[in-house]
Amino acid sequence: MYKVIIPKTVFKELEAIGSENQKLIWTKIKDLESGIFSSDKPLKGSHKGKFRKRAGDYRIVYLRENDILVITLIRIAHRKEVY
């Protein structure tokens, strides 16, 4: 079981998203808590070390710290503007 940290800036991005997409994103965040990383992809370039999880047309960018089981959400945004 992982602890997911959601900073205020990420929470504000999440609030700006429509309710149907919010439900899907919360489901994906619950997957992160449970340790389900099967379809996640590592990012490259300046975002190296971070991962992304797909949630419909939105992406959840996060940092996973394995040794202490903490996941920090970096950004939740539409796929056109997330990177």
C-alpha atoms as a PDB file:
ATOM      1  CA  MET A   1       0.000   0.000   0.000  1.00  0.00           C
ATOM      2  CA  TYR A   2       1.417   3.366  -1.042  1.00  0.00           C
ATOM      3  CA  LYS A   3       0.727   6.791   0.414  1.00  0.00           C
ATOM      4  CA  VAL A   4      -0.306   9.302  -2.270  1.00  0.00           C
ATOM      5  CA  ILE A   5       0.510  12.952  -1.617  1.00  0.00           C
ATOM      6  CA  ILE A   6      -1.602  15.479  -3.537  1.00  0.00           C
ATOM      7  CA  PRO A   7      -0.208  19.040  -3.383  1.00  0.00           C
ATOM      8  CA  LYS A   8      -2.622  21.997  -3.438  1.00  0.00           C
ATOM      9  CA  THR A   9      -1.659  22.949  -7.005  1.00  0.00           C
ATOM     10  CA  VAL A  10      -2.492  19.467  -8.287  1.00  0.00           C
ATOM     11  CA  PHE A  11      -5.749  19.441  -6.337  1.00  0.00           C
ATOM     12  CA  LYS A  12      -6.734  22.744  -7.993  1.00  0.00           C
ATOM     13  CA  GLU A  13      -6.009  21.256 -11.434  1.00  0.00           C
ATOM     14  CA  LEU A  14      -8.207  18.305 -10.527  1.00  0.00           C
ATOM     15  CA  GLU A  15     -11.075  20.551  -9.407  1.00  0.00           C
ATOM     16  CA  ALA A  16     -11.052  22.326 -12.798  1.00  0.00           C
ATOM     17  CA  ILE A  17     -11.732  19.037 -14.630  1.00  0.00           C
ATOM     18  CA  GLY A  18     -15.294  17.831 -15.386  1.00  0.00           C
ATOM     19  CA  SER A  19     -16.964  15.408 -12.972  1.00  0.00           C
ATOM     20  CA  GLU A  20     -16.910  12.337 -15.261  1.00  0.00           C
ATOM     21  CA  ASN A  21     -13.182  12.698 -15.853  1.00  0.00           C
ATOM     22  CA  GLN A  22     -12.637  13.393 -12.148  1.00  0.00           C
ATOM     23  CA  LYS A  23     -14.199  10.036 -11.279  1.00  0.00           C
ATOM     24  CA  LEU A  24     -11.859   8.265 -13.700  1.00  0.00           C
ATOM     25  CA  ILE A  25      -8.837  10.134 -12.333  1.00  0.00           C
ATOM     26  CA  TRP A  26      -9.764   9.272  -8.721  1.00  0.00           C
ATOM     27  CA  THR A  27     -10.027   5.620  -9.765  1.00  0.00           C
ATOM     28  CA  LYS A  28      -6.518   5.802 -11.212  1.00  0.00           C
ATOM     29  CA  ILE A  29      -5.232   7.481  -8.035  1.00  0.00           C
ATOM     30  CA  LYS A  30      -6.720   4.581  -6.032  1.00  0.00           C
ATOM     31  CA  ASP A  31      -4.799   2.228  -8.363  1.00  0.00           C
ATOM     32  CA  LEU A  32      -1.606   4.094  -7.460  1.00  0.00           C
ATOM     33  CA  GLU A  33      -2.394   3.651  -3.748  1.00  0.00           C
ATOM     34  CA  SER A  34      -2.845  -0.068  -4.318  1.00  0.00           C
ATOM     35  CA  GLY A  35       0.444  -0.351  -6.199  1.00  0.00           C
ATOM     36  CA  ILE A  36      -1.025  -1.029  -9.659  1.00  0.00           C
ATOM     37  CA  PHE A  37       1.588   0.339 -12.083  1.00  0.00           C
ATOM     38  CA  SER A  38       1.063  -2.082 -14.990  1.00  0.00           C
ATOM     39  CA  SER A  39       0.294   0.410 -17.783  1.00  0.00           C
ATOM     40  CA  ASP A  40       2.380   3.325 -16.464  1.00  0.00           C
ATOM     41  CA  LYS A  41       5.275   4.611 -18.531  1.00  0.00           C
ATOM     42  CA  PRO A  42       8.492   6.285 -17.383  1.00  0.00           C
ATOM     43  CA  LEU A  43       9.064   9.762 -18.757  1.00  0.00           C
ATOM     44  CA  LYS A  44      12.211  10.814 -20.611  1.00  0.00           C
ATOM     45  CA  GLY A  45      14.327  13.925 -20.941  1.00  0.00           C
ATOM     46  CA  SER A  46      13.925  16.616 -18.300  1.00  0.00           C
ATOM     47  CA  HIS A  47      11.163  14.543 -16.638  1.00  0.00           C
ATOM     48  CA  LYS A  48      13.379  11.486 -16.148  1.00  0.00           C
ATOM     49  CA  GLY A  49      12.534   9.623 -12.940  1.00  0.00           C
ATOM     50  CA  LYS A  50       8.840  10.484 -13.133  1.00  0.00           C
ATOM     51  CA  PHE A  51       6.033   8.298 -14.424  1.00  0.00           C
ATOM     52  CA  ARG A  52       2.717   8.890 -16.124  1.00  0.00           C
ATOM     53  CA  LYS A  53      -0.610   7.114 -15.763  1.00  0.00           C
ATOM     54  CA  ARG A  54      -3.290   7.433 -18.409  1.00  0.00           C
ATOM     55  CA  ALA A  55      -6.797   8.482 -17.369  1.00  0.00           C
ATOM     56  CA  GLY A  56      -8.769   8.928 -20.588  1.00  0.00           C
ATOM     57  CA  ASP A  57      -7.574  12.141 -22.248  1.00  0.00           C
ATOM     58  CA  TYR A  58      -5.798  13.178 -19.056  1.00  0.00           C
ATOM     59  CA  ARG A  59      -2.416  12.214 -17.670  1.00  0.00           C
ATOM     60  CA  ILE A  60      -1.345  11.855 -14.068  1.00  0.00           C
ATOM     61  CA  VAL A  61       2.358  12.616 -13.690  1.00  0.00           C
ATOM     62  CA  TYR A  62       3.882  11.306 -10.480  1.00  0.00           C
ATOM     63  CA  LEU A  63       7.107  10.548  -8.674  1.00  0.00           C
ATOM     64  CA  ARG A  64       7.434   7.151  -7.005  1.00  0.00           C
ATOM     65  CA  GLU A  65       9.807   6.729  -4.087  1.00  0.00           C
ATOM     66  CA  ASN A  66      10.106   2.952  -3.649  1.00  0.00           C
ATOM     67  CA  ASP A  67      12.123   2.849  -0.448  1.00  0.00           C
ATOM     68  CA  ILE A  68       9.507   4.709   1.613  1.00  0.00           C
ATOM     69  CA  LEU A  69       6.370   3.819  -0.397  1.00  0.00           C
ATOM     70  CA  VAL A  70       5.336   7.404  -1.171  1.00  0.00           C
ATOM     71  CA  ILE A  71       3.863   8.664  -4.429  1.00  0.00           C
ATOM     72  CA  THR A  72       3.819  12.422  -4.997  1.00  0.00           C
ATOM     73  CA  LEU A  73       1.516  13.671  -7.731  1.00  0.00           C
ATOM     74  CA  ILE A  74       3.238  16.284  -9.853  1.00  0.00           C
ATOM     75  CA  ARG A  75       0.527  17.290 -12.310  1.00  0.00           C
ATOM     76  CA  ILE A  76      -2.898  16.293 -13.649  1.00  0.00           C
ATOM     77  CA  ALA A  77      -3.710  17.859 -16.998  1.00  0.00           C
ATOM     78  CA  HIS A  78      -5.090  17.186 -20.465  1.00  0.00           C
ATOM     79  CA  ARG A  79      -2.688  15.224 -22.609  1.00  0.00           C
ATOM     80  CA  LYS A  80      -2.172  18.224 -24.929  1.00  0.00           C
ATOM     81  CA  GLU A  81      -0.730  20.375 -22.157  1.00  0.00           C
ATOM     82  CA  VAL A  82       0.674  18.041 -19.499  1.00  0.00           C
ATOM     83  CA  TYR A  83       4.301  17.915 -20.669  1.00  0.00           C
END
